[in-house]
Amino acid sequence: MEFIEYTLYCKLDTILKERGISVLKLSKEIGHRRTTITELMHNNNMEKKKISAELIMKLCLYFDVSPNDLFEVRRKG
């Protein structure tokens, strides 16, 4: 399998829109940097991004979702 053909995709943008929550509000409520949340929202540089287990846990608890609801593996392109 060619792993280089795939990327981790964060579905945070969709979740925020569905729930009517702003990045600023989320940032304040979970106590995490807004720029990191924005990068996840826009899937910026996901191949090189290190996402802490703490941030994943906070997002899952805040939205009452599992990591599978928050991320998926997609084929590039």
Protein backbone atom coordinates (compact mmCIF):
# COMPACT_ATOMS: atom_id res chain seq x y z
CA MET A 1 0.00 0.00 0.00
CA GLU A 2 1.29 3.44 -0.91
CA PHE A 3 0.78 5.52 2.21
CA ILE A 4 1.99 8.65 0.43
CA GLU A 5 -1.29 8.63 -1.53
CA TYR A 6 -3.34 9.20 1.61
CA THR A 7 -3.77 11.94 4.18
CA LEU A 8 -5.50 12.43 7.50
CA TYR A 9 -8.54 14.66 7.06
CA CYS A 10 -10.09 16.55 9.97
CA LYS A 11 -13.86 17.09 9.84
CA LEU A 12 -13.81 19.91 12.40
CA ASP A 13 -15.06 22.50 9.90
CA THR A 14 -18.21 20.47 9.23
CA ILE A 15 -18.81 19.84 12.93
CA LEU A 16 -18.44 23.54 13.78
CA LYS A 17 -20.84 24.58 11.00
CA GLU A 18 -23.42 21.95 11.97
CA ARG A 19 -23.39 23.14 15.57
CA GLY A 20 -23.08 26.86 14.90
CA ILE A 21 -19.92 27.25 16.97
CA SER A 22 -17.17 29.71 16.10
CA VAL A 23 -13.46 28.95 16.23
CA LEU A 24 -13.03 31.69 18.82
CA LYS A 25 -15.71 30.21 21.11
CA LEU A 26 -14.27 26.70 20.75
CA SER A 27 -10.76 27.99 21.45
CA LYS A 28 -11.85 29.74 24.63
CA GLU A 29 -14.00 26.87 25.90
CA ILE A 30 -11.40 24.13 25.46
CA GLY A 31 -8.40 26.32 26.28
CA HIS A 32 -6.45 25.72 23.08
CA ARG A 33 -4.81 28.06 20.57
CA ARG A 34 -7.14 29.42 17.92
CA THR A 35 -4.48 29.11 15.22
CA THR A 36 -4.14 25.36 15.81
CA ILE A 37 -7.91 24.91 15.64
CA THR A 38 -8.07 26.97 12.44
CA GLU A 39 -5.30 24.87 10.88
CA LEU A 40 -7.22 21.70 11.72
CA MET A 41 -10.41 23.21 10.38
CA HIS A 42 -8.75 23.95 7.03
CA ASN A 43 -6.64 20.77 7.00
CA ASN A 44 -3.47 22.80 6.58
CA ASN A 45 -0.27 20.77 6.29
CA MET A 46 -1.86 17.65 7.78
CA GLU A 47 0.96 15.36 6.59
CA LYS A 48 3.40 17.15 8.90
CA LYS A 49 1.05 18.21 11.69
CA LYS A 50 1.43 16.78 15.16
CA ILE A 51 -1.93 16.74 16.90
CA SER A 52 -1.71 16.17 20.62
CA ALA A 53 -3.76 13.45 22.25
CA GLU A 54 -4.92 16.11 24.71
CA LEU A 55 -6.40 18.26 21.92
CA ILE A 56 -8.11 15.26 20.32
CA MET A 57 -9.55 14.31 23.72
CA LYS A 58 -10.79 17.87 24.36
CA LEU A 59 -12.48 18.04 20.94
CA CYS A 60 -14.10 14.62 21.38
CA LEU A 61 -15.42 15.47 24.84
CA TYR A 62 -16.58 18.95 23.81
CA PHE A 63 -18.54 17.67 20.81
CA ASP A 64 -19.40 14.27 22.34
CA VAL A 65 -17.88 12.43 19.39
CA SER A 66 -15.25 9.75 18.89
CA PRO A 67 -11.91 10.29 17.09
CA ASN A 68 -13.49 8.46 14.12
CA ASP A 69 -16.14 11.17 13.93
CA LEU A 70 -13.45 13.84 13.96
CA PHE A 71 -10.90 12.36 11.54
CA GLU A 72 -10.81 10.14 8.48
CA VAL A 73 -8.17 8.88 6.09
CA ARG A 74 -8.69 10.14 2.53
CA ARG A 75 -6.98 9.58 -0.75
CA LYS A 76 -5.14 12.72 -1.88
CA GLY A 77 -6.28 14.63 -4.89
